[in-house]
N, C-alpha and C. Protein backbone atom coordinates (compact mmCIF):
# COMPACT_ATOMS: atom_id res chain seq x y z
N MET A 1 318.92 124.38 33.65
CA MET A 1 318.60 124.09 32.07
C MET A 1 317.13 123.39 31.96
N THR A 2 316.91 122.90 32.88
CA THR A 2 315.27 122.48 32.56
C THR A 2 314.78 123.19 33.58
N GLU A 3 313.62 123.80 33.04
CA GLU A 3 312.89 124.51 34.21
C GLU A 3 311.38 123.90 34.33
N HIS A 4 311.21 123.59 35.39
CA HIS A 4 309.76 123.00 35.40
C HIS A 4 308.92 124.36 35.45
N ARG A 5 307.90 124.06 34.37
CA ARG A 5 306.85 125.26 34.44
C ARG A 5 305.42 124.42 34.84
N ARG A 6 305.45 125.51 35.70
CA ARG A 6 303.74 125.45 36.44
C ARG A 6 302.67 125.51 35.36
N SER A 7 301.84 124.55 35.70
CA SER A 7 300.90 124.73 34.78
C SER A 7 300.02 125.53 34.98
N ALA A 8 299.08 125.92 33.89
CA ALA A 8 298.24 127.15 34.07
C ALA A 8 296.83 126.18 35.02
N LYS A 9 296.85 125.20 35.23
CA LYS A 9 295.48 124.53 35.99
C LYS A 9 295.74 124.53 37.39
N PRO A 10 294.78 125.14 38.43
CA PRO A 10 295.35 125.23 39.38
C PRO A 10 294.98 123.63 40.15
N LYS A 11 295.80 123.85 41.52
CA LYS A 11 295.72 122.58 42.08
C LYS A 11 294.51 122.10 42.63
N ARG A 12 293.73 120.63 42.43
CA ARG A 12 292.85 120.51 43.46
C ARG A 12 292.88 120.15 44.61
N TRP A 13 291.89 120.53 45.17
CA TRP A 13 292.01 120.05 47.16
C TRP A 13 291.65 118.45 46.88
N SER A 14 291.81 118.00 48.36
CA SER A 14 291.92 116.81 48.60
C SER A 14 290.32 116.60 49.13
N LYS A 15 289.95 115.32 48.92
CA LYS A 15 288.47 115.02 49.68
C LYS A 15 288.20 115.08 50.93
N GLY A 16 289.47 115.26 52.02
CA GLY A 16 289.30 115.53 53.43
C GLY A 16 289.22 117.12 53.45
N ARG A 17 289.98 117.84 52.77
CA ARG A 17 289.64 119.36 52.82
C ARG A 17 288.31 119.82 52.49
N VAL A 18 287.79 119.23 51.56
CA VAL A 18 286.49 119.67 50.81
C VAL A 18 285.71 119.25 51.82
N ARG A 19 285.42 117.70 52.56
CA ARG A 19 284.84 117.44 53.69
C ARG A 19 284.91 118.46 54.59
N ALA A 20 285.80 119.08 55.26
CA ALA A 20 286.06 119.97 56.48
C ALA A 20 285.16 121.01 55.97
N LEU A 21 285.53 121.47 54.93
CA LEU A 21 285.11 122.89 54.35
C LEU A 21 283.59 122.89 54.47
N ALA A 22 282.78 122.00 53.99
CA ALA A 22 281.78 121.39 53.92
C ALA A 22 281.04 121.28 55.49
N TRP A 23 281.75 120.82 55.93
CA TRP A 23 281.28 120.92 57.83
C TRP A 23 281.37 122.24 58.14
N VAL A 24 282.29 122.49 58.13
CA VAL A 24 282.18 124.29 58.67
C VAL A 24 281.49 125.16 58.15
N THR A 25 280.86 124.99 57.02
CA THR A 25 280.30 126.13 56.43
C THR A 25 278.58 125.45 56.97
N GLY A 26 278.35 124.34 57.22
CA GLY A 26 277.21 123.69 57.36
C GLY A 26 276.90 124.04 58.93
N THR A 27 277.61 123.96 59.77
CA THR A 27 277.57 124.37 61.34
C THR A 27 277.51 125.71 61.09
N ALA A 28 278.18 126.75 60.16
CA ALA A 28 278.10 128.15 60.54
C ALA A 28 276.72 128.74 59.98
N THR A 29 276.28 127.76 58.93
CA THR A 29 274.91 128.16 58.76
C THR A 29 273.80 127.97 59.60
N PHE A 30 273.80 126.69 60.29
CA PHE A 30 273.06 126.20 61.03
C PHE A 30 272.88 127.17 62.33
N LEU A 31 274.05 127.64 62.93
CA LEU A 31 274.19 128.59 64.10
C LEU A 31 273.91 129.82 63.73
N ALA A 32 273.89 130.42 62.46
CA ALA A 32 273.60 131.72 62.14
C ALA A 32 272.01 131.70 62.40
N GLY A 33 271.25 130.80 62.04
CA GLY A 33 269.94 130.86 62.45
C GLY A 33 269.46 131.16 63.69
N PHE A 34 270.29 130.61 64.86
CA PHE A 34 270.19 130.67 66.10
C PHE A 34 270.36 132.73 66.49
N GLY A 35 271.76 132.71 65.68
CA GLY A 35 272.03 134.10 66.12
C GLY A 35 271.06 135.06 65.79
N ILE A 36 270.43 134.75 64.80
CA ILE A 36 269.61 135.81 63.65
C ILE A 36 268.44 136.01 64.79
N LEU A 37 267.85 134.71 65.33
CA LEU A 37 266.73 134.70 65.79
C LEU A 37 266.65 135.45 67.20
N GLY A 38 267.85 135.00 67.78
CA GLY A 38 268.30 135.82 69.29
C GLY A 38 268.59 137.10 69.16
N ALA A 39 269.14 137.84 67.91
CA ALA A 39 269.32 139.22 67.74
C ALA A 39 267.74 139.81 67.63
N ALA A 40 266.83 139.30 67.24
CA ALA A 40 265.51 139.93 66.64
C ALA A 40 264.85 140.68 68.36
N PRO A 41 264.49 141.67 67.77
CA PRO A 41 263.69 142.38 69.00
C PRO A 41 262.35 141.67 69.63
N LYS A 42 262.30 141.99 70.53
CA LYS A 42 261.27 141.34 71.21
C LYS A 42 259.96 142.21 70.77
N PRO A 43 258.90 141.95 70.91
CA PRO A 43 257.55 142.91 70.46
C PRO A 43 257.33 143.32 71.95
N SER A 44 257.26 144.60 72.04
CA SER A 44 256.60 145.19 73.40
C SER A 44 255.37 145.48 73.25
N THR A 45 254.67 144.79 74.00
CA THR A 45 252.84 145.21 74.05
C THR A 45 252.65 145.26 75.37
N ALA A 46 251.43 146.08 75.65
CA ALA A 46 251.07 146.79 76.86
C ALA A 46 250.51 144.89 77.64
N SER A 47 250.08 144.09 76.80
CA SER A 47 249.54 142.83 77.20
C SER A 47 250.70 142.09 77.59
N ALA A 48 251.91 142.11 77.18
CA ALA A 48 253.04 141.32 77.72
C ALA A 48 253.49 141.87 79.21
N THR A 49 253.05 143.02 79.69
CA THR A 49 253.39 143.28 81.07
C THR A 49 252.44 142.71 81.97
N ASP A 50 251.24 142.68 81.38
CA ASP A 50 249.90 142.42 82.39
C ASP A 50 249.74 140.94 82.18
N SER A 51 250.50 139.82 81.17
CA SER A 51 250.23 138.45 80.92
C SER A 51 250.80 138.15 82.58
N SER A 52 251.49 138.20 83.18
CA SER A 52 252.14 137.96 84.48
C SER A 52 250.87 137.71 85.06
N ASN A 53 250.28 138.95 85.58
CA ASN A 53 249.02 139.25 86.52
C ASN A 53 247.73 138.54 86.07
N ARG A 54 247.45 138.17 84.88
CA ARG A 54 246.45 137.56 84.41
C ARG A 54 246.45 136.41 84.31
N GLN A 55 245.14 135.74 84.85
CA GLN A 55 244.80 134.40 84.72
C GLN A 55 244.61 133.58 83.36
N ARG A 56 245.28 132.46 83.33
CA ARG A 56 245.12 131.75 82.16
C ARG A 56 243.81 131.54 82.05
N PRO A 57 242.88 131.23 80.74
CA PRO A 57 241.83 130.63 80.48
C PRO A 57 241.79 129.30 80.93
N PRO A 58 240.67 128.63 81.31
CA PRO A 58 240.81 127.12 81.38
C PRO A 58 240.80 126.34 79.98
N ARG A 59 241.71 125.47 80.01
CA ARG A 59 241.72 124.45 78.81
C ARG A 59 240.46 123.77 78.44
N GLN A 60 240.64 123.95 76.71
CA GLN A 60 239.60 123.61 76.36
C GLN A 60 239.71 121.71 76.11
N ARG A 61 238.28 121.06 76.35
CA ARG A 61 238.63 119.78 76.53
C ARG A 61 237.85 119.33 75.06
N ILE A 62 238.54 118.36 74.77
CA ILE A 62 238.04 117.63 73.54
C ILE A 62 237.47 116.63 73.46
N ILE A 63 236.12 116.77 73.07
CA ILE A 63 234.86 115.83 73.41
C ILE A 63 234.78 114.99 71.73
N VAL A 64 234.93 113.82 71.97
CA VAL A 64 234.60 112.78 70.76
C VAL A 64 233.11 112.49 70.91
N ARG A 65 232.73 112.58 69.94
CA ARG A 65 231.02 111.74 69.66
C ARG A 65 230.99 111.06 68.69
N LYS A 66 230.49 110.14 68.97
CA LYS A 66 230.61 109.11 67.60
C LYS A 66 228.87 108.84 67.27
N VAL A 67 228.70 109.31 65.94
CA VAL A 67 227.37 109.60 65.71
C VAL A 67 227.12 108.19 64.79
N THR A 68 226.05 107.59 64.83
CA THR A 68 226.04 106.28 64.31
C THR A 68 224.35 106.33 63.74
N ARG A 69 224.56 106.49 62.44
CA ARG A 69 222.78 106.68 61.90
C ARG A 69 222.70 105.64 61.23
N ARG A 70 221.16 104.87 61.31
CA ARG A 70 220.62 103.83 60.84
C ARG A 70 219.83 104.11 59.98
N VAL A 71 219.62 103.57 58.98
CA VAL A 71 218.82 103.64 57.99
C VAL A 71 217.83 102.65 57.79
N VAL A 72 216.71 102.46 58.01
CA VAL A 72 215.81 101.59 57.74
C VAL A 72 214.69 101.69 56.41
N VAL A 73 214.71 101.17 55.58
CA VAL A 73 213.93 101.06 54.46
C VAL A 73 212.88 100.42 54.03
N VAL A 74 211.76 100.65 54.56
CA VAL A 74 210.68 100.07 54.44
C VAL A 74 209.61 100.62 53.54
N ASP A 75 208.58 99.65 52.74
CA ASP A 75 207.62 99.95 51.62
C ASP A 75 206.46 100.78 52.47
N PRO A 76 206.21 101.94 51.94
CA PRO A 76 205.19 102.95 52.67
C PRO A 76 203.82 102.37 52.74
N ALA A 77 203.54 102.32 53.82
CA ALA A 77 201.88 101.81 54.37
C ALA A 77 200.94 102.31 53.24
N VAL A 78 200.16 100.99 53.13
CA VAL A 78 199.20 101.43 52.11
C VAL A 78 198.09 101.81 52.78
N THR A 79 197.50 102.56 52.37
CA THR A 79 196.19 103.33 53.01
C THR A 79 195.03 102.63 52.17
N ALA A 80 193.76 102.63 53.26
CA ALA A 80 192.59 101.65 52.54
C ALA A 80 192.14 102.76 51.53
N PRO A 81 191.45 102.34 50.53
CA PRO A 81 190.83 103.22 49.96
C PRO A 81 189.50 104.07 50.49
N VAL A 82 189.38 105.30 50.30
CA VAL A 82 188.50 106.26 50.57
C VAL A 82 187.02 105.93 50.52
N THR A 83 186.26 105.63 51.33
CA THR A 83 184.91 105.44 50.56
C THR A 83 184.09 106.33 51.35
N PHE A 84 182.90 107.19 50.48
CA PHE A 84 182.28 108.25 50.74
C PHE A 84 181.08 107.79 50.74
N VAL A 85 180.38 107.66 51.91
CA VAL A 85 178.65 106.91 52.50
C VAL A 85 177.92 108.32 52.18
N PRO A 86 176.91 108.57 51.24
CA PRO A 86 175.86 109.55 51.33
C PRO A 86 174.99 109.32 52.50
N THR A 87 174.59 110.25 53.07
CA THR A 87 173.61 110.48 54.06
C THR A 87 172.31 111.24 53.44
N SER A 88 171.40 110.66 54.03
CA SER A 88 170.11 111.55 53.90
C SER A 88 169.93 112.71 54.33
N GLY A 89 169.39 113.54 53.98
CA GLY A 89 169.08 114.80 54.37
C GLY A 89 169.93 116.15 53.57
N GLY A 90 169.84 117.35 54.22
CA GLY A 90 170.57 118.02 53.60
C GLY A 90 169.92 118.86 52.46
N GLY A 91 168.44 118.36 51.90
CA GLY A 91 167.46 118.88 51.37
C GLY A 91 166.38 119.51 52.42
N SER A 92 165.53 119.84 51.20
CA SER A 92 164.36 120.13 52.18
C SER A 92 163.54 119.17 52.96
N SER A 93 163.25 119.53 53.70
CA SER A 93 162.03 118.88 55.14
C SER A 93 160.80 118.63 54.75
N THR A 94 159.82 117.57 55.01
CA THR A 94 158.80 118.11 55.12
C THR A 94 158.39 117.90 56.39
N GLY A 95 157.50 118.61 57.24
CA GLY A 95 156.98 118.72 58.34
C GLY A 95 157.63 119.59 59.10
N GLY A 96 157.57 119.85 60.68
CA GLY A 96 158.17 120.90 61.70
C GLY A 96 159.40 120.39 62.29
N GLY A 97 159.99 119.06 61.63
CA GLY A 97 161.20 118.70 62.33
C GLY A 97 162.66 119.33 61.34
N THR A 98 163.11 119.27 62.02
CA THR A 98 164.83 119.64 61.56
C THR A 98 165.72 118.86 61.01
N SER A 99 166.02 119.13 59.68
CA SER A 99 166.88 118.03 59.08
C SER A 99 168.43 118.40 59.61
N SER A 100 168.94 116.93 59.30
CA SER A 100 170.15 117.06 59.76
C SER A 100 170.95 117.55 58.57
N GLY A 101 172.58 117.86 59.25
CA GLY A 101 173.21 118.60 57.95
C GLY A 101 173.73 117.30 57.19
N GLY A 102 173.76 117.53 55.81
CA GLY A 102 174.36 116.44 54.92
C GLY A 102 175.75 116.16 55.17
N GLY A 103 176.65 115.26 55.08
CA GLY A 103 177.82 115.15 54.84
C GLY A 103 178.60 113.94 54.59
N THR A 104 179.51 113.65 54.76
CA THR A 104 180.70 112.25 54.01
C THR A 104 181.34 111.76 55.68
N THR A 105 181.48 110.34 55.33
CA THR A 105 181.94 110.01 56.35
C THR A 105 183.45 109.63 55.74
N VAL A 106 184.41 109.37 56.31
CA VAL A 106 185.63 108.72 55.77
C VAL A 106 185.93 107.56 56.93
N ALA A 107 186.23 106.76 56.22
CA ALA A 107 186.50 105.51 57.28
C ALA A 107 188.18 105.68 58.04
N PRO A 108 188.47 105.67 59.08
CA PRO A 108 189.65 105.78 59.85
C PRO A 108 190.61 105.28 59.01
N PRO A 109 191.86 105.62 59.11
CA PRO A 109 193.10 105.03 58.68
C PRO A 109 193.73 103.92 59.25
N PRO A 110 194.08 103.11 58.54
CA PRO A 110 194.62 102.12 59.36
C PRO A 110 195.35 102.24 60.18
N PRO A 111 195.89 101.44 61.03
CA PRO A 111 196.72 101.89 62.47
C PRO A 111 198.34 101.52 61.76
N PRO A 112 199.49 102.23 62.30
CA PRO A 112 200.79 102.08 61.47
C PRO A 112 201.27 100.51 61.79
N PRO A 113 202.22 100.14 60.63
CA PRO A 113 202.58 98.90 60.66
C PRO A 113 203.65 98.72 61.68
N PRO A 114 203.88 97.51 62.57
CA PRO A 114 204.64 97.15 63.75
C PRO A 114 206.22 97.55 62.94
N PRO A 115 207.23 98.26 63.76
CA PRO A 115 208.35 98.39 63.36
C PRO A 115 209.00 97.08 63.27
N PRO A 116 210.07 96.81 62.06
CA PRO A 116 210.62 96.02 61.84
C PRO A 116 211.50 95.51 62.99
N PRO A 117 212.05 94.42 62.98
CA PRO A 117 212.76 93.84 64.30
C PRO A 117 214.21 94.50 63.56
N THR A 118 215.02 94.77 64.68
CA THR A 118 216.43 95.12 64.58
C THR A 118 217.44 94.14 64.65
N SER A 119 218.37 93.58 63.91
CA SER A 119 219.60 92.97 64.04
C SER A 119 220.52 93.42 64.80
N GLY A 120 221.48 92.44 65.35
CA GLY A 120 222.00 92.75 66.59
C GLY A 120 223.18 93.74 65.81
N SER A 121 223.84 93.81 64.64
CA SER A 121 224.80 94.64 64.10
C SER A 121 224.33 95.98 63.51
């Protein structure tokens, strides 16, 4: 007389069932990657057979060099003003002597300043 009608709504899975399904699918997905990589064909080249007979090149060394550059700023050296000293001669000469060639003399430049003292750091 009284009939139980089933609802149109499907029954929900429990938390434990959903978690178990998630673990199974996750594990299967993880292991499928290994299966695909294992099934992939190996590249066949002539150098692959010769590689066992060939010696390995020497390992490269890593060389670490620390470059420290120090910049010292100094004022430019002040040069002495150039003085032109006229000399006699260069014109016509009287008598049988020879004349010396005229020219200018320049004062020698001053010596360079001593290097500044360097600090310990």
